[in-house]
Amino acid sequence: MPPHRTALEARWLALTREVLPGMAAAEGWPIRLDHCFMRVCLDAAIGRPWSEAVRRPAIRHLTEPQLAAAVAIAERIQAEPALLPGLNRQSLRYRGKLR
């Protein structure tokens, strides 16, 4: 695996498994679990439910540009926590779980 890809994967996992879940309670976010943050970021990066475009498990099948886009979204959420509720709503809309 190329070094850049390895670094992106490590950053992705740190953000979605540790950083964002660690911020959830203090921010009053509607989601708290790692897979929910992954869903929100991947859906935003891909522009639809990620599983329509990428085979599972996503970490193995995302292209490097897709992974980089998802990492960038997670980093934006970390920097601007107010973005998360809207991105979560959009993800749920993509999935038909919110009107």
N, C-alpha and C. Protein backbone atom coordinates (compact mmCIF):
# COMPACT_ATOMS: atom_id res chain seq x y z
N MET A 1 0.85 -1.18 0.00
CA MET A 1 0.00 0.00 0.00
C MET A 1 0.90 1.25 0.00
N PRO A 2 0.60 2.23 -0.87
CA PRO A 2 1.42 3.45 -0.91
C PRO A 2 1.38 4.18 0.44
N PRO A 3 2.50 4.82 0.80
CA PRO A 3 2.55 5.51 2.10
C PRO A 3 1.45 6.55 2.29
N HIS A 4 1.10 7.27 1.22
CA HIS A 4 0.06 8.29 1.34
C HIS A 4 -1.27 7.65 1.70
N ARG A 5 -1.58 6.52 1.07
CA ARG A 5 -2.82 5.80 1.35
C ARG A 5 -2.84 5.34 2.81
N THR A 6 -1.73 4.83 3.29
CA THR A 6 -1.63 4.37 4.67
C THR A 6 -1.89 5.52 5.64
N ALA A 7 -1.32 6.68 5.35
CA ALA A 7 -1.52 7.86 6.21
C ALA A 7 -2.97 8.31 6.17
N LEU A 8 -3.59 8.29 5.00
CA LEU A 8 -5.01 8.67 4.88
C LEU A 8 -5.89 7.72 5.70
N GLU A 9 -5.63 6.42 5.58
CA GLU A 9 -6.43 5.46 6.33
C GLU A 9 -6.27 5.67 7.83
N ALA A 10 -5.04 5.91 8.28
CA ALA A 10 -4.80 6.14 9.70
C ALA A 10 -5.53 7.39 10.18
N ARG A 11 -5.50 8.44 9.38
CA ARG A 11 -6.19 9.69 9.74
C ARG A 11 -7.70 9.46 9.78
N TRP A 12 -8.22 8.76 8.78
CA TRP A 12 -9.64 8.45 8.71
C TRP A 12 -10.10 7.71 9.97
N LEU A 13 -9.38 6.68 10.33
CA LEU A 13 -9.77 5.88 11.50
C LEU A 13 -9.65 6.69 12.79
N ALA A 14 -8.62 7.51 12.90
CA ALA A 14 -8.48 8.34 14.10
C ALA A 14 -9.64 9.33 14.22
N LEU A 15 -9.98 9.97 13.12
CA LEU A 15 -11.07 10.95 13.14
C LEU A 15 -12.42 10.31 13.44
N THR A 16 -12.72 9.19 12.77
CA THR A 16 -14.06 8.62 12.89
C THR A 16 -14.22 7.69 14.09
N ARG A 17 -13.14 7.15 14.61
CA ARG A 17 -13.24 6.25 15.76
C ARG A 17 -12.94 6.93 17.09
N GLU A 18 -12.17 8.03 17.03
CA GLU A 18 -11.74 8.67 18.27
C GLU A 18 -12.16 10.14 18.36
N VAL A 19 -11.69 10.94 17.41
CA VAL A 19 -11.85 12.39 17.51
C VAL A 19 -13.33 12.80 17.49
N LEU A 20 -14.05 12.44 16.44
CA LEU A 20 -15.44 12.88 16.33
C LEU A 20 -16.33 12.25 17.41
N PRO A 21 -16.23 10.94 17.66
CA PRO A 21 -17.03 10.40 18.78
C PRO A 21 -16.67 11.06 20.12
N GLY A 22 -15.42 11.44 20.29
CA GLY A 22 -15.01 12.12 21.51
C GLY A 22 -15.61 13.51 21.66
N MET A 23 -15.97 14.13 20.55
CA MET A 23 -16.56 15.46 20.56
C MET A 23 -18.08 15.42 20.69
N ALA A 24 -18.69 14.27 20.42
CA ALA A 24 -20.14 14.18 20.24
C ALA A 24 -20.95 14.68 21.43
N ALA A 25 -20.62 14.24 22.62
CA ALA A 25 -21.43 14.62 23.79
C ALA A 25 -21.33 16.11 24.06
N ALA A 26 -20.12 16.64 24.02
CA ALA A 26 -19.92 18.06 24.31
C ALA A 26 -20.63 18.94 23.28
N GLU A 27 -20.70 18.47 22.04
CA GLU A 27 -21.34 19.24 20.97
C GLU A 27 -22.85 19.02 20.91
N GLY A 28 -23.35 18.03 21.61
CA GLY A 28 -24.77 17.72 21.56
C GLY A 28 -25.21 17.15 20.22
N TRP A 29 -24.31 16.44 19.56
CA TRP A 29 -24.63 15.89 18.24
C TRP A 29 -25.64 14.77 18.33
N PRO A 30 -26.42 14.58 17.26
CA PRO A 30 -27.43 13.52 17.25
C PRO A 30 -26.83 12.13 17.06
N ILE A 31 -25.56 12.03 16.71
CA ILE A 31 -24.89 10.74 16.54
C ILE A 31 -23.66 10.69 17.44
N ARG A 32 -23.29 9.46 17.81
CA ARG A 32 -22.15 9.29 18.71
C ARG A 32 -21.23 8.15 18.30
N LEU A 33 -21.69 7.23 17.47
CA LEU A 33 -20.94 6.02 17.15
C LEU A 33 -20.08 6.18 15.91
N ASP A 34 -18.95 5.49 15.91
CA ASP A 34 -17.98 5.62 14.82
C ASP A 34 -18.58 5.35 13.45
N HIS A 35 -19.39 4.29 13.32
CA HIS A 35 -19.94 3.97 12.00
C HIS A 35 -20.91 5.04 11.51
N CYS A 36 -21.53 5.78 12.42
CA CYS A 36 -22.41 6.87 12.02
C CYS A 36 -21.59 8.03 11.43
N PHE A 37 -20.46 8.34 12.06
CA PHE A 37 -19.59 9.38 11.51
C PHE A 37 -19.04 8.95 10.16
N MET A 38 -18.71 7.68 10.03
CA MET A 38 -18.23 7.17 8.74
C MET A 38 -19.30 7.34 7.67
N ARG A 39 -20.54 6.98 8.01
CA ARG A 39 -21.66 7.11 7.06
C ARG A 39 -21.82 8.55 6.60
N VAL A 40 -21.85 9.47 7.56
CA VAL A 40 -22.06 10.88 7.23
C VAL A 40 -20.95 11.40 6.31
N CYS A 41 -19.71 11.13 6.67
CA CYS A 41 -18.57 11.64 5.89
C CYS A 41 -18.49 10.99 4.52
N LEU A 42 -18.70 9.69 4.47
CA LEU A 42 -18.64 9.00 3.17
C LEU A 42 -19.78 9.43 2.26
N ASP A 43 -20.99 9.53 2.80
CA ASP A 43 -22.12 9.98 1.97
C ASP A 43 -21.85 11.38 1.43
N ALA A 44 -21.32 12.26 2.27
CA ALA A 44 -21.03 13.64 1.83
C ALA A 44 -19.94 13.64 0.76
N ALA A 45 -18.93 12.80 0.93
CA ALA A 45 -17.82 12.75 -0.03
C ALA A 45 -18.28 12.21 -1.38
N ILE A 46 -19.21 11.25 -1.36
CA ILE A 46 -19.63 10.58 -2.58
C ILE A 46 -20.88 11.22 -3.18
N GLY A 47 -21.67 11.90 -2.35
CA GLY A 47 -22.85 12.60 -2.85
C GLY A 47 -24.09 11.75 -2.94
N ARG A 48 -24.06 10.62 -2.30
CA ARG A 48 -25.20 9.70 -2.23
C ARG A 48 -24.83 8.62 -1.21
N PRO A 49 -25.72 7.67 -0.93
CA PRO A 49 -25.31 6.62 0.00
C PRO A 49 -24.04 5.94 -0.51
N TRP A 50 -23.01 5.97 0.30
CA TRP A 50 -21.70 5.50 -0.16
C TRP A 50 -21.75 4.07 -0.67
N SER A 51 -22.61 3.24 -0.07
CA SER A 51 -22.64 1.83 -0.44
C SER A 51 -23.22 1.60 -1.85
N GLU A 52 -23.80 2.63 -2.44
CA GLU A 52 -24.25 2.52 -3.83
C GLU A 52 -23.08 2.64 -4.80
N ALA A 53 -21.97 3.20 -4.32
CA ALA A 53 -20.82 3.46 -5.19
C ALA A 53 -19.57 2.67 -4.82
N VAL A 54 -19.53 2.16 -3.59
CA VAL A 54 -18.31 1.52 -3.07
C VAL A 54 -18.69 0.21 -2.41
N ARG A 55 -17.94 -0.84 -2.73
CA ARG A 55 -18.17 -2.13 -2.08
C ARG A 55 -17.74 -2.08 -0.62
N ARG A 56 -18.33 -2.94 0.19
CA ARG A 56 -17.95 -3.07 1.60
C ARG A 56 -16.77 -4.03 1.70
N PRO A 57 -15.89 -3.83 2.63
CA PRO A 57 -15.76 -2.70 3.54
C PRO A 57 -15.18 -1.50 2.80
N ALA A 58 -15.73 -0.35 3.10
CA ALA A 58 -15.35 0.88 2.39
C ALA A 58 -13.85 1.14 2.47
N ILE A 59 -13.25 0.94 3.62
CA ILE A 59 -11.83 1.27 3.79
C ILE A 59 -10.97 0.56 2.75
N ARG A 60 -11.37 -0.62 2.33
CA ARG A 60 -10.58 -1.38 1.35
C ARG A 60 -10.92 -1.02 -0.09
N HIS A 61 -12.11 -0.49 -0.31
CA HIS A 61 -12.55 -0.29 -1.69
C HIS A 61 -12.68 1.17 -2.14
N LEU A 62 -12.56 2.10 -1.22
CA LEU A 62 -12.56 3.51 -1.62
C LEU A 62 -11.34 3.80 -2.48
N THR A 63 -11.52 4.65 -3.48
CA THR A 63 -10.36 5.13 -4.21
C THR A 63 -9.62 6.11 -3.30
N GLU A 64 -8.39 6.39 -3.61
CA GLU A 64 -7.66 7.35 -2.79
C GLU A 64 -8.32 8.73 -2.80
N PRO A 65 -8.79 9.23 -3.96
CA PRO A 65 -9.49 10.51 -3.94
C PRO A 65 -10.77 10.49 -3.10
N GLN A 66 -11.53 9.39 -3.13
CA GLN A 66 -12.72 9.29 -2.30
C GLN A 66 -12.36 9.32 -0.82
N LEU A 67 -11.32 8.58 -0.45
CA LEU A 67 -10.88 8.55 0.94
C LEU A 67 -10.39 9.93 1.37
N ALA A 68 -9.63 10.58 0.51
CA ALA A 68 -9.14 11.93 0.83
C ALA A 68 -10.30 12.90 1.02
N ALA A 69 -11.34 12.78 0.20
CA ALA A 69 -12.51 13.66 0.34
C ALA A 69 -13.22 13.39 1.66
N ALA A 70 -13.36 12.13 2.03
CA ALA A 70 -14.02 11.79 3.30
C ALA A 70 -13.21 12.30 4.49
N VAL A 71 -11.89 12.17 4.42
CA VAL A 71 -11.03 12.69 5.49
C VAL A 71 -11.18 14.20 5.59
N ALA A 72 -11.21 14.88 4.45
CA ALA A 72 -11.36 16.34 4.45
C ALA A 72 -12.69 16.75 5.09
N ILE A 73 -13.75 16.01 4.84
CA ILE A 73 -15.04 16.33 5.45
C ILE A 73 -14.98 16.11 6.95
N ALA A 74 -14.38 15.01 7.38
CA ALA A 74 -14.24 14.76 8.82
C ALA A 74 -13.43 15.87 9.49
N GLU A 75 -12.38 16.32 8.82
CA GLU A 75 -11.56 17.41 9.36
C GLU A 75 -12.35 18.71 9.43
N ARG A 76 -13.19 18.96 8.44
CA ARG A 76 -14.04 20.17 8.48
C ARG A 76 -15.01 20.10 9.63
N ILE A 77 -15.57 18.93 9.88
CA ILE A 77 -16.49 18.77 11.02
C ILE A 77 -15.74 19.02 12.32
N GLN A 78 -14.53 18.50 12.42
CA GLN A 78 -13.73 18.74 13.63
C GLN A 78 -13.50 20.24 13.84
N ALA A 79 -13.20 20.95 12.76
CA ALA A 79 -12.92 22.38 12.84
C ALA A 79 -14.19 23.22 13.01
N GLU A 80 -15.29 22.75 12.42
CA GLU A 80 -16.56 23.48 12.44
C GLU A 80 -17.67 22.54 12.89
N PRO A 81 -17.76 22.24 14.18
CA PRO A 81 -18.73 21.26 14.67
C PRO A 81 -20.17 21.52 14.27
N ALA A 82 -20.53 22.75 14.02
CA ALA A 82 -21.91 23.07 13.65
C ALA A 82 -22.30 22.46 12.30
N LEU A 83 -21.34 21.99 11.51
CA LEU A 83 -21.65 21.37 10.22
C LEU A 83 -22.28 19.99 10.37
N LEU A 84 -21.95 19.29 11.45
CA LEU A 84 -22.35 17.89 11.56
C LEU A 84 -23.86 17.66 11.48
N PRO A 85 -24.70 18.38 12.21
CA PRO A 85 -26.14 18.08 12.13
C PRO A 85 -26.70 18.16 10.70
N GLY A 86 -26.29 19.15 9.95
CA GLY A 86 -26.78 19.29 8.57
C GLY A 86 -26.28 18.16 7.67
N LEU A 87 -25.02 17.78 7.84
CA LEU A 87 -24.49 16.67 7.04
C LEU A 87 -25.18 15.36 7.41
N ASN A 88 -25.49 15.18 8.69
CA ASN A 88 -26.21 13.98 9.10
C ASN A 88 -27.60 13.96 8.48
N ARG A 89 -28.30 15.10 8.51
CA ARG A 89 -29.63 15.16 7.90
C ARG A 89 -29.56 14.84 6.41
N GLN A 90 -28.56 15.38 5.72
CA GLN A 90 -28.42 15.11 4.28
C GLN A 90 -28.19 13.62 4.04
N SER A 91 -27.35 13.01 4.85
CA SER A 91 -27.09 11.58 4.72
C SER A 91 -28.38 10.78 4.91
N LEU A 92 -29.15 11.15 5.91
CA LEU A 92 -30.42 10.45 6.16
C LEU A 92 -31.40 10.68 5.01
N ARG A 93 -31.40 11.87 4.42
CA ARG A 93 -32.26 12.15 3.25
C ARG A 93 -31.86 11.25 2.09
N TYR A 94 -30.54 11.14 1.83
CA TYR A 94 -30.07 10.27 0.76
C TYR A 94 -30.61 8.86 0.92
N ARG A 95 -30.76 8.43 2.16
CA ARG A 95 -31.16 7.07 2.47
C ARG A 95 -32.66 6.91 2.66
N GLY A 96 -33.44 7.99 2.44
CA GLY A 96 -34.87 7.93 2.56
C GLY A 96 -35.36 7.81 4.00
N LYS A 97 -34.52 8.19 4.96
CA LYS A 97 -34.88 8.07 6.36
C LYS A 97 -35.29 9.41 6.96
N LEU A 98 -35.33 10.44 6.12
CA LEU A 98 -35.71 11.77 6.58
C LEU A 98 -36.34 12.48 5.40
N ARG A 99 -37.40 13.22 5.66
CA ARG A 99 -38.05 13.95 4.57
C ARG A 99 -37.37 15.26 4.34
